[in-house]
Amino acid sequence: MSSNKSQRAKRNRSSKSNDQHKAGASTSAAPRGAEELRSLLIDQSNLPAAAGRLAERLASSSKLFQRGAGLVKLIETADGFSTLDLNVHDVVNHAHQVCRPVVKKIVRGEVVVEAVTLPDRVARLYLNRHDAWGVPHLDGICRAPILANDGSIRVARGYDKDTRFWCTGIELPSIPERPSRKQAEAA
């Protein structure tokens, strides 16, 4: 009787192990839809390389910028927009918006890909890349039209590559092609 119990227990352990293996294996399957994120392989023996690959993925974010020597995130406030310095937790959160960190493990002699939370150490290595972040530079937030060097008036929404400003809430009044002196004085 005890040998039957031990055989059943062994089969249950084997069944659970196979189910876990299948679950792990399914995480390595090709993306099924637009919601699926690309994997970011975290190789524990080369975390700086993972930070470099993370930089490539985060460079596509429309809310991360280099400001001076630091990395900032753009946030929407009641007054418009503002920036906050990026910290380790922000990097982890943003990473999971643009990719799916994974590790490779060997389970029962087979390589299995397992989804993980981005390790803090990779986030810190990313923050320490300085000029290798790959994100645009942000010189400020603009809430008014910009007068260009050639005298033209620039109006942009969102990030303006030419001025390196985030532009918001800008409404350009109608300006006649050739304003009269009276119109110019009234403006």
C-alpha atoms as a PDB file:
ATOM      1  CA  MET A   1       0.000   0.000   0.000  1.00  0.00           C
ATOM      2  CA  SER A   2       2.771   2.438   0.836  1.00  0.00           C
ATOM      3  CA  SER A   3       4.394   1.743  -2.541  1.00  0.00           C
ATOM      4  CA  ASN A   4       1.119   2.768  -4.268  1.00  0.00           C
ATOM      5  CA  LYS A   5       1.085   6.026  -2.263  1.00  0.00           C
ATOM      6  CA  SER A   6       4.701   6.722  -3.129  1.00  0.00           C
ATOM      7  CA  GLN A   7       4.051   6.020  -6.833  1.00  0.00           C
ATOM      8  CA  ARG A   8       1.027   8.366  -6.805  1.00  0.00           C
ATOM      9  CA  ALA A   9       3.043  11.074  -5.025  1.00  0.00           C
ATOM     10  CA  LYS A  10       5.838  10.663  -7.566  1.00  0.00           C
ATOM     11  CA  ARG A  11       3.346  10.956 -10.467  1.00  0.00           C
ATOM     12  CA  ASN A  12       1.777  14.076  -8.880  1.00  0.00           C
ATOM     13  CA  ARG A  13       5.209  15.710  -8.456  1.00  0.00           C
ATOM     14  CA  SER A  14       6.086  14.797 -12.022  1.00  0.00           C
ATOM     15  CA  SER A  15       2.757  16.142 -13.285  1.00  0.00           C
ATOM     16  CA  LYS A  16       3.207  19.418 -11.371  1.00  0.00           C
ATOM     17  CA  SER A  17       6.760  19.756 -12.653  1.00  0.00           C
ATOM     18  CA  ASN A  18       5.594  19.194 -16.236  1.00  0.00           C
ATOM     19  CA  ASP A  19       2.802  21.758 -15.776  1.00  0.00           C
ATOM     20  CA  GLN A  20       5.306  24.306 -14.425  1.00  0.00           C
ATOM     21  CA  HIS A  21       7.677  23.530 -17.279  1.00  0.00           C
ATOM     22  CA  LYS A  22       4.880  23.972 -19.826  1.00  0.00           C
ATOM     23  CA  ALA A  23       3.846  27.253 -18.206  1.00  0.00           C
ATOM     24  CA  GLY A  24       7.449  28.450 -18.341  1.00  0.00           C
ATOM     25  CA  ALA A  25       7.839  27.279 -21.912  1.00  0.00           C
ATOM     26  CA  SER A  26       4.705  29.115 -22.976  1.00  0.00           C
ATOM     27  CA  THR A  27       6.251  32.415 -21.855  1.00  0.00           C
ATOM     28  CA  SER A  28       8.871  32.010 -24.567  1.00  0.00           C
ATOM     29  CA  ALA A  29       6.251  31.656 -27.305  1.00  0.00           C
ATOM     30  CA  ALA A  30       6.067  34.277 -30.036  1.00  0.00           C
ATOM     31  CA  PRO A  31       3.946  37.362 -29.314  1.00  0.00           C
ATOM     32  CA  ARG A  32       0.280  36.701 -29.992  1.00  0.00           C
ATOM     33  CA  GLY A  33      -1.010  40.245 -30.304  1.00  0.00           C
ATOM     34  CA  ALA A  34      -0.146  43.914 -30.248  1.00  0.00           C
ATOM     35  CA  GLU A  35      -0.422  43.869 -26.446  1.00  0.00           C
ATOM     36  CA  GLU A  36       2.441  41.376 -26.153  1.00  0.00           C
ATOM     37  CA  LEU A  37       5.783  43.001 -25.313  1.00  0.00           C
ATOM     38  CA  ARG A  38       9.196  42.006 -26.648  1.00  0.00           C
ATOM     39  CA  SER A  39      11.326  40.031 -24.238  1.00  0.00           C
ATOM     40  CA  LEU A  40      14.378  41.564 -22.582  1.00  0.00           C
ATOM     41  CA  LEU A  41      16.836  38.806 -21.664  1.00  0.00           C
ATOM     42  CA  ILE A  42      18.454  39.330 -18.260  1.00  0.00           C
ATOM     43  CA  ASP A  43      21.739  37.407 -18.253  1.00  0.00           C
ATOM     44  CA  GLN A  44      22.961  37.348 -14.637  1.00  0.00           C
ATOM     45  CA  SER A  45      26.557  37.029 -15.858  1.00  0.00           C
ATOM     46  CA  ASN A  46      26.343  40.245 -17.903  1.00  0.00           C
ATOM     47  CA  LEU A  47      23.959  42.743 -16.311  1.00  0.00           C
ATOM     48  CA  PRO A  48      25.580  45.758 -18.059  1.00  0.00           C
ATOM     49  CA  ALA A  49      24.553  44.242 -21.397  1.00  0.00           C
ATOM     50  CA  ALA A  50      20.973  43.935 -20.103  1.00  0.00           C
ATOM     51  CA  ALA A  51      21.113  47.620 -19.095  1.00  0.00           C
ATOM     52  CA  GLY A  52      22.256  48.472 -22.638  1.00  0.00           C
ATOM     53  CA  ARG A  53      19.375  46.534 -24.189  1.00  0.00           C
ATOM     54  CA  LEU A  54      17.015  48.214 -21.727  1.00  0.00           C
ATOM     55  CA  ALA A  55      18.316  51.616 -22.890  1.00  0.00           C
ATOM     56  CA  GLU A  56      17.409  50.672 -26.475  1.00  0.00           C
ATOM     57  CA  ARG A  57      13.859  49.774 -25.399  1.00  0.00           C
ATOM     58  CA  LEU A  58      13.328  52.827 -23.161  1.00  0.00           C
ATOM     59  CA  ALA A  59      14.592  55.160 -25.907  1.00  0.00           C
ATOM     60  CA  SER A  60      11.192  54.663 -27.563  1.00  0.00           C
ATOM     61  CA  SER A  61       9.355  56.121 -24.551  1.00  0.00           C
ATOM     62  CA  SER A  62       7.747  59.487 -25.198  1.00  0.00           C
ATOM     63  CA  LYS A  63       7.944  60.470 -21.515  1.00  0.00           C
ATOM     64  CA  LEU A  64      11.661  59.991 -20.699  1.00  0.00           C
ATOM     65  CA  PHE A  65      14.243  62.717 -21.368  1.00  0.00           C
ATOM     66  CA  GLN A  66      17.769  63.731 -20.514  1.00  0.00           C
ATOM     67  CA  ARG A  67      17.780  67.062 -18.730  1.00  0.00           C
ATOM     68  CA  GLY A  68      21.265  68.378 -18.033  1.00  0.00           C
ATOM     69  CA  ALA A  69      23.239  65.468 -16.598  1.00  0.00           C
ATOM     70  CA  GLY A  70      20.144  63.661 -15.298  1.00  0.00           C
ATOM     71  CA  LEU A  71      17.328  61.529 -16.544  1.00  0.00           C
ATOM     72  CA  VAL A  72      13.761  62.799 -16.005  1.00  0.00           C
ATOM     73  CA  LYS A  73      10.230  61.670 -16.664  1.00  0.00           C
ATOM     74  CA  LEU A  74       7.572  64.026 -17.967  1.00  0.00           C
ATOM     75  CA  ILE A  75       4.417  64.070 -15.859  1.00  0.00           C
ATOM     76  CA  GLU A  76       1.089  65.742 -16.428  1.00  0.00           C
ATOM     77  CA  THR A  77      -0.051  68.035 -13.628  1.00  0.00           C
ATOM     78  CA  ALA A  78      -3.115  70.190 -13.015  1.00  0.00           C
ATOM     79  CA  ASP A  79      -1.116  73.156 -14.413  1.00  0.00           C
ATOM     80  CA  GLY A  80       0.199  71.353 -17.492  1.00  0.00           C
ATOM     81  CA  PHE A  81       3.426  69.375 -17.454  1.00  0.00           C
ATOM     82  CA  SER A  82       6.431  69.057 -15.176  1.00  0.00           C
ATOM     83  CA  THR A  83       9.478  66.807 -14.816  1.00  0.00           C
ATOM     84  CA  LEU A  84      10.668  64.549 -12.017  1.00  0.00           C
ATOM     85  CA  ASP A  85      14.061  62.912 -11.644  1.00  0.00           C
ATOM     86  CA  LEU A  86      13.949  59.237 -12.574  1.00  0.00           C
ATOM     87  CA  ASN A  87      14.735  56.745  -9.801  1.00  0.00           C
ATOM     88  CA  VAL A  88      15.257  52.975  -9.727  1.00  0.00           C
ATOM     89  CA  HIS A  89      11.565  52.272  -9.170  1.00  0.00           C
ATOM     90  CA  ASP A  90      10.611  54.462 -12.149  1.00  0.00           C
ATOM     91  CA  VAL A  91      13.049  52.551 -14.358  1.00  0.00           C
ATOM     92  CA  VAL A  92      11.486  49.234 -13.294  1.00  0.00           C
ATOM     93  CA  ASN A  93       7.970  50.556 -13.952  1.00  0.00           C
ATOM     94  CA  HIS A  94       8.842  52.062 -17.343  1.00  0.00           C
ATOM     95  CA  ALA A  95      10.736  48.918 -18.344  1.00  0.00           C
ATOM     96  CA  HIS A  96       7.616  46.827 -17.849  1.00  0.00           C
ATOM     97  CA  GLN A  97       5.665  49.212 -20.089  1.00  0.00           C
ATOM     98  CA  VAL A  98       8.021  48.684 -23.047  1.00  0.00           C
ATOM     99  CA  CYS A  99       9.377  45.151 -22.597  1.00  0.00           C
ATOM    100  CA  ARG A 100       9.071  41.880 -20.687  1.00  0.00           C
ATOM    101  CA  PRO A 101      12.216  41.042 -18.681  1.00  0.00           C
ATOM    102  CA  VAL A 102      12.982  37.309 -18.786  1.00  0.00           C
ATOM    103  CA  VAL A 103      15.651  34.900 -17.566  1.00  0.00           C
ATOM    104  CA  LYS A 104      16.626  31.541 -19.034  1.00  0.00           C
ATOM    105  CA  LYS A 105      16.686  28.559 -16.701  1.00  0.00           C
ATOM    106  CA  ILE A 106      17.404  24.897 -17.166  1.00  0.00           C
ATOM    107  CA  VAL A 107      14.528  22.762 -15.924  1.00  0.00           C
ATOM    108  CA  ARG A 108      14.817  18.978 -16.224  1.00  0.00           C
ATOM    109  CA  GLY A 109      17.511  19.374 -18.854  1.00  0.00           C
ATOM    110  CA  GLU A 110      15.581  21.858 -21.021  1.00  0.00           C
ATOM    111  CA  VAL A 111      16.002  25.613 -21.367  1.00  0.00           C
ATOM    112  CA  VAL A 112      12.939  27.469 -20.105  1.00  0.00           C
ATOM    113  CA  VAL A 113      12.278  31.202 -20.366  1.00  0.00           C
ATOM    114  CA  GLU A 114      10.693  32.734 -17.276  1.00  0.00           C
ATOM    115  CA  ALA A 115       9.263  36.255 -16.937  1.00  0.00           C
ATOM    116  CA  VAL A 116      10.726  38.244 -14.011  1.00  0.00           C
ATOM    117  CA  THR A 117      10.572  41.707 -12.513  1.00  0.00           C
ATOM    118  CA  LEU A 118      13.439  43.844 -13.803  1.00  0.00           C
ATOM    119  CA  PRO A 119      16.224  43.529 -11.194  1.00  0.00           C
ATOM    120  CA  ASP A 120      17.020  46.765  -9.312  1.00  0.00           C
ATOM    121  CA  ARG A 121      20.683  46.266 -10.186  1.00  0.00           C
ATOM    122  CA  VAL A 122      19.888  46.484 -13.918  1.00  0.00           C
ATOM    123  CA  ALA A 123      17.838  49.629 -13.245  1.00  0.00           C
ATOM    124  CA  ARG A 124      20.777  51.199 -11.360  1.00  0.00           C
ATOM    125  CA  LEU A 125      23.182  50.256 -14.170  1.00  0.00           C
ATOM    126  CA  TYR A 126      20.791  51.883 -16.650  1.00  0.00           C
ATOM    127  CA  LEU A 127      20.650  55.095 -14.593  1.00  0.00           C
ATOM    128  CA  ASN A 128      24.458  55.118 -14.480  1.00  0.00           C
ATOM    129  CA  ARG A 129      24.786  55.101 -18.309  1.00  0.00           C
ATOM    130  CA  HIS A 130      24.589  58.931 -18.392  1.00  0.00           C
ATOM    131  CA  ASP A 131      24.933  60.075 -22.016  1.00  0.00           C
ATOM    132  CA  ALA A 132      24.162  56.571 -23.343  1.00  0.00           C
ATOM    133  CA  TRP A 133      20.468  56.595 -22.382  1.00  0.00           C
ATOM    134  CA  GLY A 134      19.363  57.198 -25.961  1.00  0.00           C
ATOM    135  CA  VAL A 135      16.511  59.519 -24.980  1.00  0.00           C
ATOM    136  CA  PRO A 136      16.071  63.062 -26.325  1.00  0.00           C
ATOM    137  CA  HIS A 137      17.405  66.102 -24.459  1.00  0.00           C
ATOM    138  CA  LEU A 138      14.797  68.322 -22.832  1.00  0.00           C
ATOM    139  CA  ASP A 139      15.734  71.960 -22.257  1.00  0.00           C
ATOM    140  CA  GLY A 140      12.398  73.018 -20.796  1.00  0.00           C
ATOM    141  CA  ILE A 141       8.643  73.137 -20.975  1.00  0.00           C
ATOM    142  CA  CYS A 142       7.094  75.869 -23.083  1.00  0.00           C
ATOM    143  CA  ARG A 143       3.575  77.238 -22.699  1.00  0.00           C
ATOM    144  CA  ALA A 144       3.821  80.022 -25.292  1.00  0.00           C
ATOM    145  CA  PRO A 145       4.750  80.387 -28.980  1.00  0.00           C
ATOM    146  CA  ILE A 146       8.503  80.480 -29.612  1.00  0.00           C
ATOM    147  CA  LEU A 147      10.128  83.227 -31.667  1.00  0.00           C
ATOM    148  CA  ALA A 148      12.731  81.561 -33.898  1.00  0.00           C
ATOM    149  CA  ASN A 149      16.065  83.150 -34.876  1.00  0.00           C
ATOM    150  CA  ASP A 150      14.707  83.944 -38.348  1.00  0.00           C
ATOM    151  CA  GLY A 151      11.763  85.873 -36.858  1.00  0.00           C
ATOM    152  CA  SER A 152       9.173  83.195 -37.509  1.00  0.00           C
ATOM    153  CA  ILE A 153       6.844  82.019 -34.794  1.00  0.00           C
ATOM    154  CA  ARG A 154       7.092  78.343 -33.836  1.00  0.00           C
ATOM    155  CA  VAL A 155       4.091  76.522 -32.472  1.00  0.00           C
ATOM    156  CA  ALA A 156       4.458  72.873 -31.566  1.00  0.00           C
ATOM    157  CA  ARG A 157       2.596  70.309 -29.514  1.00  0.00           C
ATOM    158  CA  GLY A 158       4.545  67.760 -27.536  1.00  0.00           C
ATOM    159  CA  TYR A 159       8.290  67.437 -27.981  1.00  0.00           C
ATOM    160  CA  ASP A 160       9.878  69.861 -30.458  1.00  0.00           C
ATOM    161  CA  LYS A 161      13.206  68.396 -31.642  1.00  0.00           C
ATOM    162  CA  ASP A 162      14.471  71.716 -32.996  1.00  0.00           C
ATOM    163  CA  THR A 163      14.106  73.647 -29.748  1.00  0.00           C
ATOM    164  CA  ARG A 164      14.305  70.626 -27.395  1.00  0.00           C
ATOM    165  CA  PHE A 165      11.232  71.948 -25.558  1.00  0.00           C
ATOM    166  CA  TRP A 166       8.053  70.145 -24.537  1.00  0.00           C
ATOM    167  CA  CYS A 167       5.319  72.433 -25.858  1.00  0.00           C
ATOM    168  CA  THR A 168       1.853  72.479 -24.359  1.00  0.00           C
ATOM    169  CA  GLY A 169      -1.208  74.717 -24.265  1.00  0.00           C
ATOM    170  CA  ILE A 170      -0.024  76.899 -27.126  1.00  0.00           C
ATOM    171  CA  GLU A 171      -2.646  78.649 -29.205  1.00  0.00           C
ATOM    172  CA  LEU A 172      -1.340  80.901 -31.932  1.00  0.00           C
ATOM    173  CA  PRO A 173      -3.535  83.923 -32.576  1.00  0.00           C
ATOM    174  CA  SER A 174      -4.291  84.677 -36.203  1.00  0.00           C
ATOM    175  CA  ILE A 175      -1.622  86.977 -37.606  1.00  0.00           C
ATOM    176  CA  PRO A 176      -2.125  88.798 -40.912  1.00  0.00           C
ATOM    177  CA  GLU A 177       0.527  88.218 -43.580  1.00  0.00           C
ATOM    178  CA  ARG A 178       1.306  91.961 -43.615  1.00  0.00           C
ATOM    179  CA  PRO A 179       0.041  93.513 -40.384  1.00  0.00           C
ATOM    180  CA  SER A 180      -0.591  97.250 -40.326  1.00  0.00           C
ATOM    181  CA  ARG A 181       1.165  99.468 -37.795  1.00  0.00           C
ATOM    182  CA  LYS A 182      -2.096  99.736 -35.862  1.00  0.00           C
ATOM    183  CA  GLN A 183      -2.465  95.911 -35.730  1.00  0.00           C
ATOM    184  CA  ALA A 184       1.146  95.523 -34.597  1.00  0.00           C
ATOM    185  CA  GLU A 185       0.719  98.100 -31.835  1.00  0.00           C
ATOM    186  CA  ALA A 186      -2.497  96.421 -30.670  1.00  0.00           C
ATOM    187  CA  ALA A 187      -0.759  93.042 -30.454  1.00  0.00           C
END
